[in-house]
C-alpha atoms as a PDB file:
ATOM      1  CA  MET A   1      18.210   3.860  -5.788  1.00  0.00           C
ATOM      2  CA  LEU A   2      17.792   1.084  -8.359  1.00  0.00           C
ATOM      3  CA  LEU A   3      20.078  -1.172  -6.313  1.00  0.00           C
ATOM      4  CA  LEU A   4      18.145  -0.403  -3.122  1.00  0.00           C
ATOM      5  CA  ALA A   5      14.835  -1.065  -4.904  1.00  0.00           C
ATOM      6  CA  ALA A   6      16.169  -4.430  -6.100  1.00  0.00           C
ATOM      7  CA  ALA A   7      17.169  -5.279  -2.523  1.00  0.00           C
ATOM      8  CA  PHE A   8      13.678  -4.322  -1.318  1.00  0.00           C
ATOM      9  CA  LEU A   9      12.064  -6.453  -4.034  1.00  0.00           C
ATOM     10  CA  LEU A  10      14.181  -9.453  -3.011  1.00  0.00           C
ATOM     11  CA  THR A  11      13.403  -8.874   0.669  1.00  0.00           C
ATOM     12  CA  ALA A  12       9.657  -8.684   0.008  1.00  0.00           C
ATOM     13  CA  LEU A  13       9.887 -11.822  -2.129  1.00  0.00           C
ATOM     14  CA  LEU A  14      11.647 -13.840   0.589  1.00  0.00           C
ATOM     15  CA  TYR A  15       9.510 -12.595   3.473  1.00  0.00           C
ATOM     16  CA  ALA A  16       6.223 -13.036   1.610  1.00  0.00           C
ATOM     17  CA  MET A  17       7.188 -16.646   0.860  1.00  0.00           C
ATOM     18  CA  ALA A  18       7.581 -17.126   4.608  1.00  0.00           C
ATOM     19  CA  GLY A  19       4.375 -15.234   5.452  1.00  0.00           C
ATOM     20  CA  PHE A  20       5.921 -12.028   6.869  1.00  0.00           C
ATOM     21  CA  GLY A  21       6.266  -8.397   5.816  1.00  0.00           C
ATOM     22  CA  GLY A  22      10.019  -7.735   5.953  1.00  0.00           C
ATOM     23  CA  GLY A  23       9.969  -4.538   8.002  1.00  0.00           C
ATOM     24  CA  SER A  24      13.086  -5.346  10.025  1.00  0.00           C
ATOM     25  CA  THR A  25      15.203  -5.862   6.904  1.00  0.00           C
ATOM     26  CA  TYR A  26      13.749  -2.812   5.091  1.00  0.00           C
ATOM     27  CA  THR A  27      14.782  -0.727   8.083  1.00  0.00           C
ATOM     28  CA  ALA A  28      18.290  -2.178   8.096  1.00  0.00           C
ATOM     29  CA  LEU A  29      18.740  -1.633   4.353  1.00  0.00           C
ATOM     30  CA  LEU A  30      17.652   1.987   4.654  1.00  0.00           C
ATOM     31  CA  VAL A  31      20.053   2.617   7.528  1.00  0.00           C
ATOM     32  CA  LEU A  32      22.943   1.024   5.650  1.00  0.00           C
ATOM     33  CA  ALA A  33      22.042   3.134   2.590  1.00  0.00           C
ATOM     34  CA  GLY A  34      22.384   6.317   4.651  1.00  0.00           C
ATOM     35  CA  THR A  35      18.709   7.318   4.653  1.00  0.00           C
ATOM     36  CA  ASP A  36      17.692  10.023   7.129  1.00  0.00           C
ATOM     37  CA  ILE A  37      17.099   8.139  10.375  1.00  0.00           C
ATOM     38  CA  LYS A  38      13.873  10.054  11.045  1.00  0.00           C
ATOM     39  CA  ALA A  39      12.319   8.804   7.810  1.00  0.00           C
ATOM     40  CA  VAL A  40      13.476   5.179   8.087  1.00  0.00           C
ATOM     41  CA  PRO A  41      10.611   3.806  10.254  1.00  0.00           C
ATOM     42  CA  VAL A  42       7.973   5.509   8.089  1.00  0.00           C
ATOM     43  CA  ILE A  43       9.283   4.077   4.812  1.00  0.00           C
ATOM     44  CA  SER A  44       9.743   0.649   6.369  1.00  0.00           C
ATOM     45  CA  LEU A  45       6.255   0.555   7.881  1.00  0.00           C
ATOM     46  CA  LEU A  46       4.682   1.704   4.608  1.00  0.00           C
ATOM     47  CA  CYS A  47       6.446  -1.130   2.775  1.00  0.00           C
ATOM     48  CA  ASN A  48       5.320  -3.534   5.484  1.00  0.00           C
ATOM     49  CA  VAL A  49       1.692  -2.502   4.993  1.00  0.00           C
ATOM     50  CA  LEU A  50       1.907  -2.947   1.222  1.00  0.00           C
ATOM     51  CA  VAL A  51       3.351  -6.469   1.510  1.00  0.00           C
ATOM     52  CA  VAL A  52       1.074  -7.895   4.213  1.00  0.00           C
ATOM     53  CA  THR A  53      -2.261  -6.321   3.244  1.00  0.00           C
ATOM     54  CA  LEU A  54      -3.025  -8.770   0.446  1.00  0.00           C
ATOM     55  CA  GLY A  55      -1.860 -11.689   2.565  1.00  0.00           C
ATOM     56  CA  ALA A  56      -4.045 -10.673   5.498  1.00  0.00           C
ATOM     57  CA  ILE A  57      -7.075 -10.293   3.213  1.00  0.00           C
ATOM     58  CA  ALA A  58      -6.435 -13.691   1.646  1.00  0.00           C
ATOM     59  CA  PHE A  59      -6.174 -15.384   5.041  1.00  0.00           C
ATOM     60  CA  ALA A  60      -9.389 -13.722   6.213  1.00  0.00           C
ATOM     61  CA  ARG A  61     -11.283 -14.756   3.067  1.00  0.00           C
ATOM     62  CA  ALA A  62     -10.073 -18.336   3.503  1.00  0.00           C
ATOM     63  CA  GLY A  63     -11.541 -18.396   7.007  1.00  0.00           C
ATOM     64  CA  ASN A  64      -8.179 -18.762   8.763  1.00  0.00           C
ATOM     65  CA  PHE A  65      -8.427 -15.573  10.804  1.00  0.00           C
ATOM     66  CA  ASP A  66     -10.458 -15.854  14.020  1.00  0.00           C
ATOM     67  CA  ALA A  67     -11.100 -12.309  15.199  1.00  0.00           C
ATOM     68  CA  ARG A  68     -12.663 -13.448  18.475  1.00  0.00           C
ATOM     69  CA  ARG A  69      -9.484 -15.252  19.539  1.00  0.00           C
ATOM     70  CA  SER A  70      -7.077 -12.727  18.043  1.00  0.00           C
ATOM     71  CA  TRP A  71      -8.396  -9.421  19.380  1.00  0.00           C
ATOM     72  CA  PRO A  72      -6.708  -9.831  22.818  1.00  0.00           C
ATOM     73  CA  LEU A  73      -3.372  -9.762  20.988  1.00  0.00           C
ATOM     74  CA  PHE A  74      -4.234  -6.392  19.453  1.00  0.00           C
ATOM     75  CA  ILE A  75      -5.754  -4.635  22.454  1.00  0.00           C
ATOM     76  CA  LEU A  76      -2.357  -3.743  23.922  1.00  0.00           C
ATOM     77  CA  SER A  77      -0.154  -3.956  20.834  1.00  0.00           C
ATOM     78  CA  VAL A  78      -1.989  -1.343  18.742  1.00  0.00           C
ATOM     79  CA  PRO A  79      -1.778   1.541  21.260  1.00  0.00           C
ATOM     80  CA  ALA A  80       1.754   0.429  22.160  1.00  0.00           C
ATOM     81  CA  ALA A  81       2.770   0.606  18.484  1.00  0.00           C
ATOM     82  CA  ALA A  82       1.334   4.111  18.205  1.00  0.00           C
ATOM     83  CA  LEU A  83       3.189   5.108  21.384  1.00  0.00           C
ATOM     84  CA  GLY A  84       6.423   3.609  20.059  1.00  0.00           C
ATOM     85  CA  GLY A  85       6.017   5.546  16.841  1.00  0.00           C
ATOM     86  CA  ARG A  86       5.737   8.793  18.822  1.00  0.00           C
ATOM     87  CA  LEU A  87       8.976   8.115  20.679  1.00  0.00           C
ATOM     88  CA  ALA A  88      11.960  10.058  19.383  1.00  0.00           C
ATOM     89  CA  VAL A  89      15.195   8.078  19.755  1.00  0.00           C
ATOM     90  CA  GLY A  90      18.753   9.029  18.918  1.00  0.00           C
ATOM     91  CA  GLU A  91      20.631   7.394  16.064  1.00  0.00           C
ATOM     92  CA  THR A  92      22.924   5.346  18.320  1.00  0.00           C
ATOM     93  CA  LEU A  93      20.043   3.929  20.339  1.00  0.00           C
ATOM     94  CA  PHE A  94      18.096   3.294  17.151  1.00  0.00           C
ATOM     95  CA  LEU A  95      21.006   1.331  15.667  1.00  0.00           C
ATOM     96  CA  GLY A  96      21.320  -0.738  18.837  1.00  0.00           C
ATOM     97  CA  LEU A  97      17.616  -1.536  18.964  1.00  0.00           C
ATOM     98  CA  LEU A  98      17.568  -2.412  15.274  1.00  0.00           C
ATOM     99  CA  ALA A  99      20.622  -4.669  15.480  1.00  0.00           C
ATOM    100  CA  PHE A 100      19.118  -6.474  18.471  1.00  0.00           C
ATOM    101  CA  SER A 101      15.746  -6.828  16.710  1.00  0.00           C
ATOM    102  CA  LEU A 102      17.398  -8.293  13.629  1.00  0.00           C
ATOM    103  CA  LEU A 103      19.471 -10.695  15.711  1.00  0.00           C
ATOM    104  CA  CYS A 104      16.299 -11.938  17.418  1.00  0.00           C
ATOM    105  CA  ALA A 105      14.498 -12.113  14.065  1.00  0.00           C
ATOM    106  CA  GLY A 106      17.269 -14.145  12.441  1.00  0.00           C
ATOM    107  CA  LEU A 107      17.498 -16.616  15.317  1.00  0.00           C
ATOM    108  CA  THR A 108      13.704 -16.888  15.353  1.00  0.00           C
ATOM    109  CA  MET A 109      13.580 -17.715  11.657  1.00  0.00           C
ATOM    110  CA  LEU A 110      16.326 -20.337  12.031  1.00  0.00           C
ATOM    111  CA  TRP A 111      14.377 -21.973  14.818  1.00  0.00           C
ATOM    112  CA  GLN A 112      11.068 -21.773  12.983  1.00  0.00           C
ATOM    113  CA  PRO A 113      11.387 -24.704  10.531  1.00  0.00           C
ATOM    114  CA  TRP A 114      11.636 -27.106  13.447  1.00  0.00           C
ATOM    115  CA  TRP A 115       9.140 -25.696  15.943  1.00  0.00           C
ATOM    116  CA  GLN A 116       6.561 -25.408  13.179  1.00  0.00           C
ATOM    117  CA  GLN A 117       6.573 -29.176  12.813  1.00  0.00           C
ATOM    118  CA  GLU A 118       7.047 -30.150  16.439  1.00  0.00           C
ATOM    119  CA  ARG A 119       4.757 -27.790  18.360  1.00  0.00           C
ATOM    120  CA  GLN A 120       1.296 -28.512  16.975  1.00  0.00           C
ATOM    121  CA  PRO A 121      -1.750 -28.117  19.215  1.00  0.00           C
ATOM    122  CA  ALA A 122      -2.515 -31.481  20.788  1.00  0.00           C
ATOM    123  CA  ASN A 123      -6.212 -31.115  21.595  1.00  0.00           C
ATOM    124  CA  GLY A 124      -7.357 -28.148  19.545  1.00  0.00           C
ATOM    125  CA  PRO A 125      -6.620 -24.449  20.164  1.00  0.00           C
ATOM    126  CA  ARG A 126      -5.751 -23.617  23.754  1.00  0.00           C
ATOM    127  CA  PRO A 127      -7.544 -20.800  25.598  1.00  0.00           C
ATOM    128  CA  VAL A 128      -6.006 -17.350  25.291  1.00  0.00           C
ATOM    129  CA  GLY A 129      -4.128 -16.449  28.476  1.00  0.00           C
ATOM    130  CA  TRP A 130      -2.527 -13.234  29.695  1.00  0.00           C
ATOM    131  CA  VAL A 131       0.996 -14.014  28.461  1.00  0.00           C
ATOM    132  CA  GLU A 132       0.246 -13.604  24.756  1.00  0.00           C
ATOM    133  CA  PRO A 133      -1.453 -10.166  25.001  1.00  0.00           C
ATOM    134  CA  LEU A 134       1.282  -8.855  27.307  1.00  0.00           C
ATOM    135  CA  ILE A 135       4.135  -9.909  25.022  1.00  0.00           C
ATOM    136  CA  ALA A 136       2.154  -8.735  21.985  1.00  0.00           C
ATOM    137  CA  GLY A 137       2.016  -5.289  23.578  1.00  0.00           C
ATOM    138  CA  LEU A 138       5.809  -5.225  23.911  1.00  0.00           C
ATOM    139  CA  LEU A 139       6.165  -6.328  20.285  1.00  0.00           C
ATOM    140  CA  GLY A 140       3.770  -3.600  19.190  1.00  0.00           C
ATOM    141  CA  PHE A 141       5.900  -1.007  20.965  1.00  0.00           C
ATOM    142  CA  ALA A 142       8.994  -2.290  19.135  1.00  0.00           C
ATOM    143  CA  ALA A 143       7.053  -2.159  15.863  1.00  0.00           C
ATOM    144  CA  GLY A 144       6.437   1.547  16.278  1.00  0.00           C
ATOM    145  CA  VAL A 145       9.934   2.525  17.445  1.00  0.00           C
ATOM    146  CA  VAL A 146      12.052   0.544  14.980  1.00  0.00           C
ATOM    147  CA  GLY A 147       9.656   0.291  12.039  1.00  0.00           C
ATOM    148  CA  ILE A 148       8.787  -3.403  12.078  1.00  0.00           C
ATOM    149  CA  GLY A 149       5.508  -5.289  12.319  1.00  0.00           C
ATOM    150  CA  GLY A 150       6.468  -7.705  15.087  1.00  0.00           C
ATOM    151  CA  GLY A 151       4.821 -10.735  13.484  1.00  0.00           C
ATOM    152  CA  ILE A 152       8.128 -12.519  13.065  1.00  0.00           C
ATOM    153  CA  PHE A 153       8.372 -12.626  16.878  1.00  0.00           C
ATOM    154  CA  LEU A 154       4.676 -13.252  17.534  1.00  0.00           C
ATOM    155  CA  ALA A 155       4.464 -16.416  15.395  1.00  0.00           C
ATOM    156  CA  PRO A 156       6.963 -18.501  17.413  1.00  0.00           C
ATOM    157  CA  LEU A 157       5.362 -17.330  20.653  1.00  0.00           C
ATOM    158  CA  LEU A 158       1.981 -18.594  19.452  1.00  0.00           C
ATOM    159  CA  TYR A 159       3.482 -21.904  18.332  1.00  0.00           C
ATOM    160  CA  VAL A 160       5.286 -22.471  21.616  1.00  0.00           C
ATOM    161  CA  ARG A 161       2.083 -21.630  23.483  1.00  0.00           C
ATOM    162  CA  ARG A 162       0.167 -24.032  21.166  1.00  0.00           C
ATOM    163  CA  TRP A 163      -2.232 -21.216  20.402  1.00  0.00           C
ATOM    164  CA  GLY A 164      -3.689 -22.792  17.265  1.00  0.00           C
ATOM    165  CA  PRO A 165      -2.991 -24.613  13.973  1.00  0.00           C
ATOM    166  CA  PRO A 166      -0.363 -23.257  11.533  1.00  0.00           C
ATOM    167  CA  LYS A 167      -2.759 -21.460   9.186  1.00  0.00           C
ATOM    168  CA  ALA A 168      -4.513 -19.715  12.062  1.00  0.00           C
ATOM    169  CA  ILE A 169      -1.164 -18.565  13.473  1.00  0.00           C
ATOM    170  CA  ALA A 170      -0.005 -17.361  10.051  1.00  0.00           C
ATOM    171  CA  ALA A 171      -3.271 -15.438   9.575  1.00  0.00           C
ATOM    172  CA  THR A 172      -3.052 -13.842  13.012  1.00  0.00           C
ATOM    173  CA  SER A 173       0.618 -12.926  12.493  1.00  0.00           C
ATOM    174  CA  ALA A 174      -0.161 -11.284   9.148  1.00  0.00           C
ATOM    175  CA  MET A 175      -2.990  -9.266  10.676  1.00  0.00           C
ATOM    176  CA  PHE A 176      -0.765  -8.392  13.642  1.00  0.00           C
ATOM    177  CA  ILE A 177       1.880  -7.005  11.281  1.00  0.00           C
ATOM    178  CA  LEU A 178      -0.735  -5.006   9.381  1.00  0.00           C
ATOM    179  CA  VAL A 179      -2.506  -3.344  12.320  1.00  0.00           C
ATOM    180  CA  ASN A 180       0.685  -2.596  14.238  1.00  0.00           C
ATOM    181  CA  SER A 181       2.403  -1.176  11.163  1.00  0.00           C
ATOM    182  CA  LEU A 182      -0.583   1.140  10.645  1.00  0.00           C
ATOM    183  CA  ALA A 183      -0.567   2.118  14.332  1.00  0.00           C
ATOM    184  CA  GLY A 184       3.177   2.759  14.157  1.00  0.00           C
ATOM    185  CA  LEU A 185       2.617   5.032  11.176  1.00  0.00           C
ATOM    186  CA  VAL A 186       0.024   7.007  13.146  1.00  0.00           C
ATOM    187  CA  GLY A 187       2.572   7.488  15.916  1.00  0.00           C
ATOM    188  CA  GLN A 188       5.268   8.521  13.444  1.00  0.00           C
ATOM    189  CA  ALA A 189       2.890  11.017  11.826  1.00  0.00           C
ATOM    190  CA  SER A 190       2.336  12.710  15.188  1.00  0.00           C
ATOM    191  CA  LYS A 191       6.003  13.773  15.211  1.00  0.00           C
ATOM    192  CA  GLY A 192       5.518  15.842  12.052  1.00  0.00           C
ATOM    193  CA  LEU A 193       6.339  14.497   8.618  1.00  0.00           C
ATOM    194  CA  ALA A 194       7.257  17.557   6.572  1.00  0.00           C
ATOM    195  CA  ALA A 195      10.915  16.592   6.210  1.00  0.00           C
ATOM    196  CA  THR A 196      10.070  12.886   6.110  1.00  0.00           C
ATOM    197  CA  ALA A 197       7.656  13.418   3.204  1.00  0.00           C
ATOM    198  CA  ALA A 198      10.507  14.765   1.098  1.00  0.00           C
ATOM    199  CA  VAL A 199      12.634  11.705   1.885  1.00  0.00           C
ATOM    200  CA  ILE A 200       9.713   9.417   1.029  1.00  0.00           C
ATOM    201  CA  GLY A 201       9.394  11.211  -2.295  1.00  0.00           C
ATOM    202  CA  ASP A 202      12.994  10.315  -3.040  1.00  0.00           C
ATOM    203  CA  HIS A 203      12.249   6.649  -2.283  1.00  0.00           C
ATOM    204  CA  LEU A 204       9.011   6.175  -4.233  1.00  0.00           C
ATOM    205  CA  LEU A 205      10.582   3.430  -6.347  1.00  0.00           C
ATOM    206  CA  LEU A 206      10.750   1.187  -3.276  1.00  0.00           C
ATOM    207  CA  PHE A 207       6.968   0.884  -2.957  1.00  0.00           C
ATOM    208  CA  PRO A 208       6.161  -0.738  -6.325  1.00  0.00           C
ATOM    209  CA  ALA A 209       9.245  -2.911  -5.793  1.00  0.00           C
ATOM    210  CA  VAL A 210       7.864  -4.422  -2.573  1.00  0.00           C
ATOM    211  CA  VAL A 211       4.396  -4.826  -4.118  1.00  0.00           C
ATOM    212  CA  VAL A 212       5.848  -6.863  -6.983  1.00  0.00           C
ATOM    213  CA  GLY A 213       8.136  -8.843  -4.672  1.00  0.00           C
ATOM    214  CA  GLY A 214       5.399  -9.478  -2.122  1.00  0.00           C
ATOM    215  CA  ALA A 215       2.880 -10.653  -4.726  1.00  0.00           C
ATOM    216  CA  ALA A 216       5.418 -12.964  -6.358  1.00  0.00           C
ATOM    217  CA  GLY A 217       6.578 -14.290  -2.997  1.00  0.00           C
ATOM    218  CA  ALA A 218       3.056 -15.093  -1.855  1.00  0.00           C
ATOM    219  CA  LEU A 219       2.394 -16.976  -5.095  1.00  0.00           C
ATOM    220  CA  VAL A 220       5.666 -18.921  -5.097  1.00  0.00           C
ATOM    221  CA  GLY A 221       5.609 -19.656  -1.376  1.00  0.00           C
ATOM    222  CA  SER A 222       2.080 -20.997  -1.436  1.00  0.00           C
ATOM    223  CA  ARG A 223       2.442 -23.180  -4.532  1.00  0.00           C
ATOM    224  CA  LEU A 224       6.017 -23.965  -5.538  1.00  0.00           C
ATOM    225  CA  ILE A 225       8.541 -23.852  -2.694  1.00  0.00           C
ATOM    226  CA  ASP A 226       8.618 -25.191   0.846  1.00  0.00           C
ATOM    227  CA  PRO A 227       8.680 -21.991   2.963  1.00  0.00           C
ATOM    228  CA  LYS A 228      10.856 -23.781   5.532  1.00  0.00           C
ATOM    229  CA  TRP A 229      13.977 -23.435   3.394  1.00  0.00           C
ATOM    230  CA  VAL A 230      13.138 -19.880   2.415  1.00  0.00           C
ATOM    231  CA  ARG A 231      13.144 -19.009   6.110  1.00  0.00           C
ATOM    232  CA  VAL A 232      16.588 -20.564   6.567  1.00  0.00           C
ATOM    233  CA  VAL A 233      18.095 -18.506   3.724  1.00  0.00           C
ATOM    234  CA  SER A 234      16.306 -15.362   4.945  1.00  0.00           C
ATOM    235  CA  ALA A 235      17.543 -15.958   8.497  1.00  0.00           C
ATOM    236  CA  LEU A 236      21.162 -16.168   7.379  1.00  0.00           C
ATOM    237  CA  LEU A 237      20.823 -12.914   5.427  1.00  0.00           C
ATOM    238  CA  ILE A 238      19.172 -11.206   8.402  1.00  0.00           C
ATOM    239  CA  LEU A 239      21.917 -12.347  10.772  1.00  0.00           C
ATOM    240  CA  TYR A 240      24.558 -10.997   8.379  1.00  0.00           C
ATOM    241  CA  VAL A 241      22.848  -7.589   8.313  1.00  0.00           C
ATOM    242  CA  ALA A 242      22.443  -7.699  12.119  1.00  0.00           C
ATOM    243  CA  VAL A 243      26.196  -8.190  12.518  1.00  0.00           C
ATOM    244  CA  ARG A 244      26.927  -5.271  10.181  1.00  0.00           C
ATOM    245  CA  LEU A 245      24.551  -3.011  12.099  1.00  0.00           C
ATOM    246  CA  GLY A 246      25.963  -4.237  15.401  1.00  0.00           C
ATOM    247  CA  LEU A 247      29.463  -3.255  14.309  1.00  0.00           C
ATOM    248  CA  ARG A 248      28.170   0.140  13.188  1.00  0.00           C
ATOM    249  CA  TRP A 249      26.410   0.579  16.546  1.00  0.00           C
ATOM    250  CA  ALA A 250      29.614  -0.352  18.430  1.00  0.00           C
ATOM    251  CA  ALA A 251      31.570   2.170  16.354  1.00  0.00           C
ATOM    252  CA  ALA A 252      28.975   4.863  17.128  1.00  0.00           C
ATOM    253  CA  LEU A 253      29.213   4.046  20.836  1.00  0.00           C
ATOM    254  CA  SER A 254      32.990   4.249  20.844  1.00  0.00           C
ATOM    255  CA  GLY A 255      32.866   7.511  18.902  1.00  0.00           C
ATOM    256  CA  ALA A 256      30.414   9.008  21.373  1.00  0.00           C
ATOM    257  CA  SER A 257      32.525   7.998  24.373  1.00  0.00           C
ATOM    258  CA  SER A 258      35.807   9.334  22.937  1.00  0.00           C
END
């Protein structure tokens, strides 16, 4: 458990430097550690909430979060996240969805250092269309099922759509992760958490680990290190884990078919 807690601390540190929660990697680490698959999304979402809450509050206090422009992104994603959390999926399907999510996350983070510089809004924030809320709803559903926040996918969408300046996008992504993680937890709770509560009790050390890592990452990322290079390192680690999970998913598929 100490080794897993150290991995969670490092994950929170890296993701907080880049402005995200780390839910996708928490989920992967738990799966690779052999944690009960039913408890994995709950633990991951709880860690996500702990890491992004302070960041979301800080962004809001700094005036970077515009609720009037952001609420259309939440109107579909929040109920979709709760619905995704209610959905019971088998272990093989869960592994496949998680491996695919991590692959997308890793490629997104590799792409991010360049689109963040190149895709700035030309003439101020563009009007909110229907594309962003629709895709946000799909991301919210994934957040509930797999135990991620979805912000790592939302941020590049907003940049490509020239939705707003970098700080506004970072603030909206942090809030997106927070509200969808909470909604996903509500959905997970509806499935009954008696057995899951026992597993969470065995993993209590992970929660202070992500708090410490997230706080340190936010401090270092905002003052000492260019987050661009943190994202590159994080992306490579995520892609490595995605490959490992993909191989495990392929083995599960072949075992089921034989």
